[in-house]
PDB file of N, CA and C in Angstrom:
ATOM      1  N   MET A   1       0.850  -1.170   0.000  1.00  0.00           N
ATOM      2  CA  MET A   1       0.000   0.000   0.000  1.00  0.00           C
ATOM      3  C   MET A   1       0.896   1.234   0.000  1.00  0.00           C
ATOM      4  N   LYS A   2       0.451   2.267  -0.704  1.00  0.00           N
ATOM      5  CA  LYS A   2       1.189   3.521  -0.775  1.00  0.00           C
ATOM      6  C   LYS A   2       0.244   4.645  -0.390  1.00  0.00           C
ATOM      7  N   GLU A   3       0.637   5.444   0.617  1.00  0.00           N
ATOM      8  CA  GLU A   3      -0.216   6.537   1.081  1.00  0.00           C
ATOM      9  C   GLU A   3       0.601   7.793   1.307  1.00  0.00           C
ATOM     10  N   LYS A   4      -0.092   8.927   1.195  1.00  0.00           N
ATOM     11  CA  LYS A   4       0.536  10.221   1.418  1.00  0.00           C
ATOM     12  C   LYS A   4       0.039  10.787   2.741  1.00  0.00           C
ATOM     13  N   PHE A   5       0.962  11.376   3.487  1.00  0.00           N
ATOM     14  CA  PHE A   5       0.655  11.954   4.788  1.00  0.00           C
ATOM     15  C   PHE A   5       1.116  13.403   4.818  1.00  0.00           C
ATOM     16  N   THR A   6       0.484  14.215   5.629  1.00  0.00           N
ATOM     17  CA  THR A   6       0.935  15.571   5.904  1.00  0.00           C
ATOM     18  C   THR A   6       1.795  15.510   7.154  1.00  0.00           C
ATOM     19  N   VAL A   7       2.942  16.200   7.119  1.00  0.00           N
ATOM     20  CA  VAL A   7       3.846  16.239   8.274  1.00  0.00           C
ATOM     21  C   VAL A   7       4.062  17.702   8.649  1.00  0.00           C
ATOM     22  N   THR A   8       3.875  18.033   9.903  1.00  0.00           N
ATOM     23  CA  THR A   8       4.061  19.404  10.367  1.00  0.00           C
ATOM     24  C   THR A   8       5.188  19.460  11.399  1.00  0.00           C
ATOM     25  N   GLY A   9       5.758  20.661  11.543  1.00  0.00           N
ATOM     26  CA  GLY A   9       6.781  20.869  12.556  1.00  0.00           C
ATOM     27  C   GLY A   9       8.212  20.709  12.068  1.00  0.00           C
ATOM     28  N   MET A  10       8.400  20.392  10.794  1.00  0.00           N
ATOM     29  CA  MET A  10       9.759  20.268  10.258  1.00  0.00           C
ATOM     30  C   MET A  10      10.297  21.660   9.939  1.00  0.00           C
ATOM     31  N   SER A  11      11.566  21.907  10.284  1.00  0.00           N
ATOM     32  CA  SER A  11      12.150  23.221  10.023  1.00  0.00           C
ATOM     33  C   SER A  11      13.400  23.167   9.157  1.00  0.00           C
ATOM     34  N   CYS A  12      13.946  21.965   8.945  1.00  0.00           N
ATOM     35  CA  CYS A  12      15.178  21.872   8.157  1.00  0.00           C
ATOM     36  C   CYS A  12      15.303  20.488   7.512  1.00  0.00           C
ATOM     37  N   ALA A  13      16.313  20.349   6.671  1.00  0.00           N
ATOM     38  CA  ALA A  13      16.528  19.080   5.974  1.00  0.00           C
ATOM     39  C   ALA A  13      16.845  17.940   6.949  1.00  0.00           C
ATOM     40  N   ALA A  14      17.460  18.266   8.063  1.00  0.00           N
ATOM     41  CA  ALA A  14      17.771  17.223   9.054  1.00  0.00           C
ATOM     42  C   ALA A  14      16.487  16.634   9.636  1.00  0.00           C
ATOM     43  N   CYS A  15      15.460  17.465   9.767  1.00  0.00           N
ATOM     44  CA  CYS A  15      14.165  16.982  10.276  1.00  0.00           C
ATOM     45  C   CYS A  15      13.586  15.928   9.332  1.00  0.00           C
ATOM     46  N   SER A  16      13.496  16.288   8.053  1.00  0.00           N
ATOM     47  CA  SER A  16      12.909  15.356   7.085  1.00  0.00           C
ATOM     48  C   SER A  16      13.768  14.110   6.938  1.00  0.00           C
ATOM     49  N   ALA A  17      15.086  14.272   6.972  1.00  0.00           N
ATOM     50  CA  ALA A  17      15.983  13.117   6.860  1.00  0.00           C
ATOM     51  C   ALA A  17      15.828  12.180   8.053  1.00  0.00           C
ATOM     52  N   GLY A  18      15.636  12.735   9.238  1.00  0.00           N
ATOM     53  CA  GLY A  18      15.456  11.915  10.433  1.00  0.00           C
ATOM     54  C   GLY A  18      14.181  11.096  10.378  1.00  0.00           C
ATOM     55  N   ILE A  19      13.109  11.705   9.880  1.00  0.00           N
ATOM     56  CA  ILE A  19      11.841  10.989   9.741  1.00  0.00           C
ATOM     57  C   ILE A  19      11.999   9.859   8.729  1.00  0.00           C
ATOM     58  N   GLU A  20      12.609  10.174   7.588  1.00  0.00           N
ATOM     59  CA  GLU A  20      12.835   9.144   6.558  1.00  0.00           C
ATOM     60  C   GLU A  20      13.649   7.985   7.112  1.00  0.00           C
ATOM     61  N   ARG A  21      14.743   8.314   7.789  1.00  0.00           N
ATOM     62  CA  ARG A  21      15.638   7.283   8.326  1.00  0.00           C
ATOM     63  C   ARG A  21      14.891   6.376   9.312  1.00  0.00           C
ATOM     64  N   THR A  22      14.116   6.982  10.199  1.00  0.00           N
ATOM     65  CA  THR A  22      13.372   6.204  11.193  1.00  0.00           C
ATOM     66  C   THR A  22      12.342   5.297  10.528  1.00  0.00           C
ATOM     67  N   LEU A  23      11.563   5.862   9.607  1.00  0.00           N
ATOM     68  CA  LEU A  23      10.527   5.058   8.967  1.00  0.00           C
ATOM     69  C   LEU A  23      11.106   3.959   8.087  1.00  0.00           C
ATOM     70  N   ASN A  24      12.195   4.252   7.384  1.00  0.00           N
ATOM     71  CA  ASN A  24      12.795   3.245   6.508  1.00  0.00           C
ATOM     72  C   ASN A  24      13.391   2.071   7.296  1.00  0.00           C
ATOM     73  N   LYS A  25      13.638   2.273   8.588  1.00  0.00           N
ATOM     74  CA  LYS A  25      14.120   1.183   9.450  1.00  0.00           C
ATOM     75  C   LYS A  25      12.974   0.432  10.127  1.00  0.00           C
ATOM     76  N   THR A  26      11.762   0.938   9.990  1.00  0.00           N
ATOM     77  CA  THR A  26      10.604   0.372  10.669  1.00  0.00           C
ATOM     78  C   THR A  26      10.092  -0.860   9.924  1.00  0.00           C
ATOM     79  N   GLU A  27       9.857  -1.938  10.674  1.00  0.00           N
ATOM     80  CA  GLU A  27       9.359  -3.170  10.066  1.00  0.00           C
ATOM     81  C   GLU A  27       8.017  -2.924   9.386  1.00  0.00           C
ATOM     82  N   GLY A  28       7.910  -3.382   8.156  1.00  0.00           N
ATOM     83  CA  GLY A  28       6.686  -3.235   7.384  1.00  0.00           C
ATOM     84  C   GLY A  28       6.723  -2.067   6.407  1.00  0.00           C
ATOM     85  N   VAL A  29       7.642  -1.123   6.635  1.00  0.00           N
ATOM     86  CA  VAL A  29       7.776   0.013   5.722  1.00  0.00           C
ATOM     87  C   VAL A  29       8.764  -0.366   4.623  1.00  0.00           C
ATOM     88  N   ARG A  30       8.286  -0.293   3.378  1.00  0.00           N
ATOM     89  CA  ARG A  30       9.153  -0.607   2.233  1.00  0.00           C
ATOM     90  C   ARG A  30       9.980   0.603   1.830  1.00  0.00           C
ATOM     91  N   LYS A  31       9.325   1.786   1.819  1.00  0.00           N
ATOM     92  CA  LYS A  31      10.018   3.004   1.416  1.00  0.00           C
ATOM     93  C   LYS A  31       9.265   4.215   1.942  1.00  0.00           C
ATOM     94  N   ALA A  32      10.006   5.160   2.486  1.00  0.00           N
ATOM     95  CA  ALA A  32       9.427   6.420   2.963  1.00  0.00           C
ATOM     96  C   ALA A  32      10.209   7.568   2.343  1.00  0.00           C
ATOM     97  N   GLU A  33       9.479   8.524   1.774  1.00  0.00           N
ATOM     98  CA  GLU A  33      10.092   9.726   1.207  1.00  0.00           C
ATOM     99  C   GLU A  33       9.408  10.932   1.822  1.00  0.00           C
ATOM    100  N   VAL A  34      10.202  11.824   2.410  1.00  0.00           N
ATOM    101  CA  VAL A  34       9.664  12.999   3.090  1.00  0.00           C
ATOM    102  C   VAL A  34      10.063  14.253   2.321  1.00  0.00           C
ATOM    103  N   SER A  35       9.096  15.144   2.129  1.00  0.00           N
ATOM    104  CA  SER A  35       9.334  16.417   1.455  1.00  0.00           C
ATOM    105  C   SER A  35       9.221  17.545   2.469  1.00  0.00           C
ATOM    106  N   LEU A  36      10.333  18.206   2.737  1.00  0.00           N
ATOM    107  CA  LEU A  36      10.339  19.338   3.675  1.00  0.00           C
ATOM    108  C   LEU A  36       9.488  20.482   3.131  1.00  0.00           C
ATOM    109  N   MET A  37       9.696  20.843   1.874  1.00  0.00           N
ATOM    110  CA  MET A  37       8.973  21.966   1.275  1.00  0.00           C
ATOM    111  C   MET A  37       7.479  21.660   1.127  1.00  0.00           C
ATOM    112  N   GLY A  38       7.142  20.428   0.811  1.00  0.00           N
ATOM    113  CA  GLY A  38       5.744  20.050   0.638  1.00  0.00           C
ATOM    114  C   GLY A  38       5.047  19.684   1.926  1.00  0.00           C
ATOM    115  N   GLU A  39       5.799  19.667   3.029  1.00  0.00           N
ATOM    116  CA  GLU A  39       5.271  19.247   4.334  1.00  0.00           C
ATOM    117  C   GLU A  39       4.497  17.944   4.211  1.00  0.00           C
ATOM    118  N   SER A  40       5.101  16.987   3.507  1.00  0.00           N
ATOM    119  CA  SER A  40       4.403  15.729   3.266  1.00  0.00           C
ATOM    120  C   SER A  40       5.375  14.568   3.230  1.00  0.00           C
ATOM    121  N   MET A  41       4.815  13.371   3.250  1.00  0.00           N
ATOM    122  CA  MET A  41       5.609  12.163   3.069  1.00  0.00           C
ATOM    123  C   MET A  41       4.757  11.133   2.352  1.00  0.00           C
ATOM    124  N   VAL A  42       5.431  10.335   1.547  1.00  0.00           N
ATOM    125  CA  VAL A  42       4.780   9.224   0.865  1.00  0.00           C
ATOM    126  C   VAL A  42       5.420   7.960   1.425  1.00  0.00           C
ATOM    127  N   VAL A  43       4.586   7.063   1.915  1.00  0.00           N
ATOM    128  CA  VAL A  43       5.085   5.836   2.535  1.00  0.00           C
ATOM    129  C   VAL A  43       4.487   4.639   1.813  1.00  0.00           C
ATOM    130  N   GLU A  44       5.365   3.756   1.386  1.00  0.00           N
ATOM    131  CA  GLU A  44       4.943   2.487   0.803  1.00  0.00           C
ATOM    132  C   GLU A  44       5.172   1.444   1.885  1.00  0.00           C
ATOM    133  N   TYR A  45       4.106   0.724   2.237  1.00  0.00           N
ATOM    134  CA  TYR A  45       4.219  -0.212   3.361  1.00  0.00           C
ATOM    135  C   TYR A  45       3.320  -1.425   3.175  1.00  0.00           C
ATOM    136  N   ASP A  46       3.610  -2.439   3.984  1.00  0.00           N
ATOM    137  CA  ASP A  46       2.830  -3.673   3.994  1.00  0.00           C
ATOM    138  C   ASP A  46       1.792  -3.547   5.110  1.00  0.00           C
ATOM    139  N   GLU A  47       0.543  -3.362   4.727  1.00  0.00           N
ATOM    140  CA  GLU A  47      -0.509  -3.135   5.729  1.00  0.00           C
ATOM    141  C   GLU A  47      -0.763  -4.343   6.622  1.00  0.00           C
ATOM    142  N   ARG A  48      -0.189  -5.488   6.287  1.00  0.00           N
ATOM    143  CA  ARG A  48      -0.317  -6.660   7.171  1.00  0.00           C
ATOM    144  C   ARG A  48       0.685  -6.595   8.318  1.00  0.00           C
ATOM    145  N   LYS A  49       1.735  -5.778   8.153  1.00  0.00           N
ATOM    146  CA  LYS A  49       2.769  -5.686   9.186  1.00  0.00           C
ATOM    147  C   LYS A  49       2.720  -4.395   9.985  1.00  0.00           C
ATOM    148  N   ILE A  50       2.194  -3.335   9.371  1.00  0.00           N
ATOM    149  CA  ILE A  50       2.142  -2.043  10.061  1.00  0.00           C
ATOM    150  C   ILE A  50       0.906  -1.280   9.587  1.00  0.00           C
ATOM    151  N   SER A  51       0.319  -0.515  10.485  1.00  0.00           N
ATOM    152  CA  SER A  51      -0.878   0.266  10.145  1.00  0.00           C
ATOM    153  C   SER A  51      -0.497   1.721   9.917  1.00  0.00           C
ATOM    154  N   ARG A  52      -1.392   2.452   9.276  1.00  0.00           N
ATOM    155  CA  ARG A  52      -1.129   3.882   9.067  1.00  0.00           C
ATOM    156  C   ARG A  52      -1.055   4.604  10.409  1.00  0.00           C
ATOM    157  N   GLU A  53      -1.814   4.125  11.385  1.00  0.00           N
ATOM    158  CA  GLU A  53      -1.776   4.737  12.720  1.00  0.00           C
ATOM    159  C   GLU A  53      -0.400   4.592  13.358  1.00  0.00           C
ATOM    160  N   LYS A  54       0.247   3.436  13.151  1.00  0.00           N
ATOM    161  CA  LYS A  54       1.582   3.227  13.717  1.00  0.00           C
ATOM    162  C   LYS A  54       2.622   4.078  12.988  1.00  0.00           C
ATOM    163  N   ILE A  55       2.422   4.289  11.700  1.00  0.00           N
ATOM    164  CA  ILE A  55       3.324   5.173  10.948  1.00  0.00           C
ATOM    165  C   ILE A  55       3.198   6.597  11.485  1.00  0.00           C
ATOM    166  N   ILE A  56       1.962   7.046  11.665  1.00  0.00           N
ATOM    167  CA  ILE A  56       1.725   8.381  12.222  1.00  0.00           C
ATOM    168  C   ILE A  56       2.324   8.485  13.617  1.00  0.00           C
ATOM    169  N   GLN A  57       2.152   7.460  14.441  1.00  0.00           N
ATOM    170  CA  GLN A  57       2.675   7.482  15.797  1.00  0.00           C
ATOM    171  C   GLN A  57       4.203   7.542  15.808  1.00  0.00           C
ATOM    172  N   ALA A  58       4.854   6.877  14.859  1.00  0.00           N
ATOM    173  CA  ALA A  58       6.323   6.916  14.769  1.00  0.00           C
ATOM    174  C   ALA A  58       6.794   8.344  14.509  1.00  0.00           C
ATOM    175  N   VAL A  59       6.076   9.078  13.662  1.00  0.00           N
ATOM    176  CA  VAL A  59       6.432  10.470  13.368  1.00  0.00           C
ATOM    177  C   VAL A  59       6.164  11.353  14.588  1.00  0.00           C
ATOM    178  N   VAL A  60       5.043  11.144  15.242  1.00  0.00           N
ATOM    179  CA  VAL A  60       4.692  11.899  16.441  1.00  0.00           C
ATOM    180  C   VAL A  60       5.733  11.658  17.542  1.00  0.00           C
ATOM    181  N   ASN A  61       6.202  10.427  17.671  1.00  0.00           N
ATOM    182  CA  ASN A  61       7.213  10.100  18.678  1.00  0.00           C
ATOM    183  C   ASN A  61       8.523  10.849  18.440  1.00  0.00           C
ATOM    184  N   LEU A  62       8.760  11.267  17.195  1.00  0.00           N
ATOM    185  CA  LEU A  62       9.959  12.046  16.870  1.00  0.00           C
ATOM    186  C   LEU A  62       9.756  13.540  17.145  1.00  0.00           C
ATOM    187  N   GLY A  63       8.535  13.925  17.497  1.00  0.00           N
ATOM    188  CA  GLY A  63       8.266  15.313  17.844  1.00  0.00           C
ATOM    189  C   GLY A  63       7.596  16.135  16.758  1.00  0.00           C
ATOM    190  N   TYR A  64       7.049  15.477  15.745  1.00  0.00           N
ATOM    191  CA  TYR A  64       6.391  16.175  14.642  1.00  0.00           C
ATOM    192  C   TYR A  64       4.916  15.801  14.610  1.00  0.00           C
ATOM    193  N   GLY A  65       4.151  16.550  13.844  1.00  0.00           N
ATOM    194  CA  GLY A  65       2.752  16.220  13.650  1.00  0.00           C
ATOM    195  C   GLY A  65       2.597  15.428  12.362  1.00  0.00           C
ATOM    196  N   ALA A  66       1.637  14.535  12.321  1.00  0.00           N
ATOM    197  CA  ALA A  66       1.386  13.753  11.107  1.00  0.00           C
ATOM    198  C   ALA A  66      -0.070  13.338  11.053  1.00  0.00           C
ATOM    199  N   LYS A  67      -0.599  13.332   9.821  1.00  0.00           N
ATOM    200  CA  LYS A  67      -1.949  12.830   9.586  1.00  0.00           C
ATOM    201  C   LYS A  67      -2.053  12.449   8.124  1.00  0.00           C
ATOM    202  N   LEU A  68      -3.086  11.704   7.801  1.00  0.00           N
ATOM    203  CA  LEU A  68      -3.316  11.305   6.426  1.00  0.00           C
ATOM    204  C   LEU A  68      -3.516  12.558   5.578  1.00  0.00           C
ATOM    205  N   PHE A  69      -2.915  12.598   4.407  1.00  0.00           N
ATOM    206  CA  PHE A  69      -2.984  13.762   3.523  1.00  0.00           C
ATOM    207  C   PHE A  69      -4.413  14.012   3.062  1.00  0.00           C
ATOM    208  N   ASP A  70      -4.811  15.273   3.044  1.00  0.00           N
ATOM    209  CA  ASP A  70      -6.151  15.666   2.608  1.00  0.00           C
ATOM    210  C   ASP A  70      -6.022  16.777   1.571  1.00  0.00           C
ATOM    211  N   GLU A  71      -6.398  16.504   0.332  1.00  0.00           N
ATOM    212  CA  GLU A  71      -6.326  17.485  -0.766  1.00  0.00           C
ATOM    213  C   GLU A  71      -7.088  18.759  -0.431  1.00  0.00           C
ATOM    214  N   ASN A  72      -8.211  18.654   0.260  1.00  0.00           N
ATOM    215  CA  ASN A  72      -9.021  19.829   0.582  1.00  0.00           C
ATOM    216  C   ASN A  72      -8.281  20.812   1.481  1.00  0.00           C
ATOM    217  N   VAL A  73      -7.490  20.302   2.414  1.00  0.00           N
ATOM    218  CA  VAL A  73      -6.722  21.159   3.299  1.00  0.00           C
ATOM    219  C   VAL A  73      -5.677  21.923   2.489  1.00  0.00           C
ATOM    220  N   LEU A  74      -5.048  21.260   1.541  1.00  0.00           N
ATOM    221  CA  LEU A  74      -4.039  21.896   0.700  1.00  0.00           C
ATOM    222  C   LEU A  74      -4.663  23.046  -0.097  1.00  0.00           C
ATOM    223  N   ARG A  75      -5.821  22.826  -0.667  1.00  0.00           N
ATOM    224  CA  ARG A  75      -6.515  23.870  -1.429  1.00  0.00           C
ATOM    225  C   ARG A  75      -6.856  25.070  -0.558  1.00  0.00           C
ATOM    226  N   GLU A  76      -7.292  24.813   0.668  1.00  0.00           N
ATOM    227  CA  GLU A  76      -7.658  25.894   1.595  1.00  0.00           C
ATOM    228  C   GLU A  76      -6.442  26.740   1.953  1.00  0.00           C
ATOM    229  N   ARG A  77      -5.284  26.130   2.102  1.00  0.00           N
ATOM    230  CA  ARG A  77      -4.074  26.839   2.478  1.00  0.00           C
ATOM    231  C   ARG A  77      -3.575  27.754   1.375  1.00  0.00           C
ATOM    232  N   LYS A  78      -3.831  27.363   0.121  1.00  0.00           N
ATOM    233  CA  LYS A  78      -3.390  28.188  -1.011  1.00  0.00           C
ATOM    234  C   LYS A  78      -4.324  29.352  -1.158  1.00  0.00           C
TER     235      LYS A  78
END
Protein backbone atom coordinates (compact mmCIF):
# COMPACT_ATOMS: atom_id res chain seq x y z
CA MET A 1 0.00 0.00 0.00
CA LYS A 2 1.19 3.52 -0.78
CA GLU A 3 -0.22 6.54 1.08
CA LYS A 4 0.54 10.22 1.42
CA PHE A 5 0.66 11.95 4.79
CA THR A 6 0.93 15.57 5.90
CA VAL A 7 3.85 16.24 8.27
CA THR A 8 4.06 19.40 10.37
CA GLY A 9 6.78 20.87 12.56
CA MET A 10 9.76 20.27 10.26
CA SER A 11 12.15 23.22 10.02
CA CYS A 12 15.18 21.87 8.16
CA ALA A 13 16.53 19.08 5.97
CA ALA A 14 17.77 17.22 9.05
CA CYS A 15 14.17 16.98 10.28
CA SER A 16 12.91 15.36 7.09
CA ALA A 17 15.98 13.12 6.86
CA GLY A 18 15.46 11.91 10.43
CA ILE A 19 11.84 10.99 9.74
CA GLU A 20 12.83 9.14 6.56
CA ARG A 21 15.64 7.28 8.33
CA THR A 22 13.37 6.20 11.19
CA LEU A 23 10.53 5.06 8.97
CA ASN A 24 12.80 3.24 6.51
CA LYS A 25 14.12 1.18 9.45
CA THR A 26 10.60 0.37 10.67
CA GLU A 27 9.36 -3.17 10.07
CA GLY A 28 6.69 -3.23 7.38
CA VAL A 29 7.78 0.01 5.72
CA ARG A 30 9.15 -0.61 2.23
CA LYS A 31 10.02 3.00 1.42
CA ALA A 32 9.43 6.42 2.96
CA GLU A 33 10.09 9.73 1.21
CA VAL A 34 9.66 13.00 3.09
CA SER A 35 9.33 16.42 1.45
CA LEU A 36 10.34 19.34 3.68
CA MET A 37 8.97 21.97 1.27
CA GLY A 38 5.74 20.05 0.64
CA GLU A 39 5.27 19.25 4.33
CA SER A 40 4.40 15.73 3.27
CA MET A 41 5.61 12.16 3.07
CA VAL A 42 4.78 9.22 0.87
CA VAL A 43 5.08 5.84 2.53
CA GLU A 44 4.94 2.49 0.80
CA TYR A 45 4.22 -0.21 3.36
CA ASP A 46 2.83 -3.67 3.99
CA GLU A 47 -0.51 -3.14 5.73
CA ARG A 48 -0.32 -6.66 7.17
CA LYS A 49 2.77 -5.69 9.19
CA ILE A 50 2.14 -2.04 10.06
CA SER A 51 -0.88 0.27 10.15
CA ARG A 52 -1.13 3.88 9.07
CA GLU A 53 -1.78 4.74 12.72
CA LYS A 54 1.58 3.23 13.72
CA ILE A 55 3.32 5.17 10.95
CA ILE A 56 1.73 8.38 12.22
CA GLN A 57 2.68 7.48 15.80
CA ALA A 58 6.32 6.92 14.77
CA VAL A 59 6.43 10.47 13.37
CA VAL A 60 4.69 11.90 16.44
CA ASN A 61 7.21 10.10 18.68
CA LEU A 62 9.96 12.05 16.87
CA GLY A 63 8.27 15.31 17.84
CA TYR A 64 6.39 16.17 14.64
CA GLY A 65 2.75 16.22 13.65
CA ALA A 66 1.39 13.75 11.11
CA LYS A 67 -1.95 12.83 9.59
CA LEU A 68 -3.32 11.30 6.43
CA PHE A 69 -2.98 13.76 3.52
CA ASP A 70 -6.15 15.67 2.61
CA GLU A 71 -6.33 17.49 -0.77
CA ASN A 72 -9.02 19.83 0.58
CA VAL A 73 -6.72 21.16 3.30
CA LEU A 74 -4.04 21.90 0.70
CA ARG A 75 -6.52 23.87 -1.43
CA GLU A 76 -7.66 25.89 1.59
CA ARG A 77 -4.07 26.84 2.48
CA LYS A 78 -3.39 28.19 -1.01
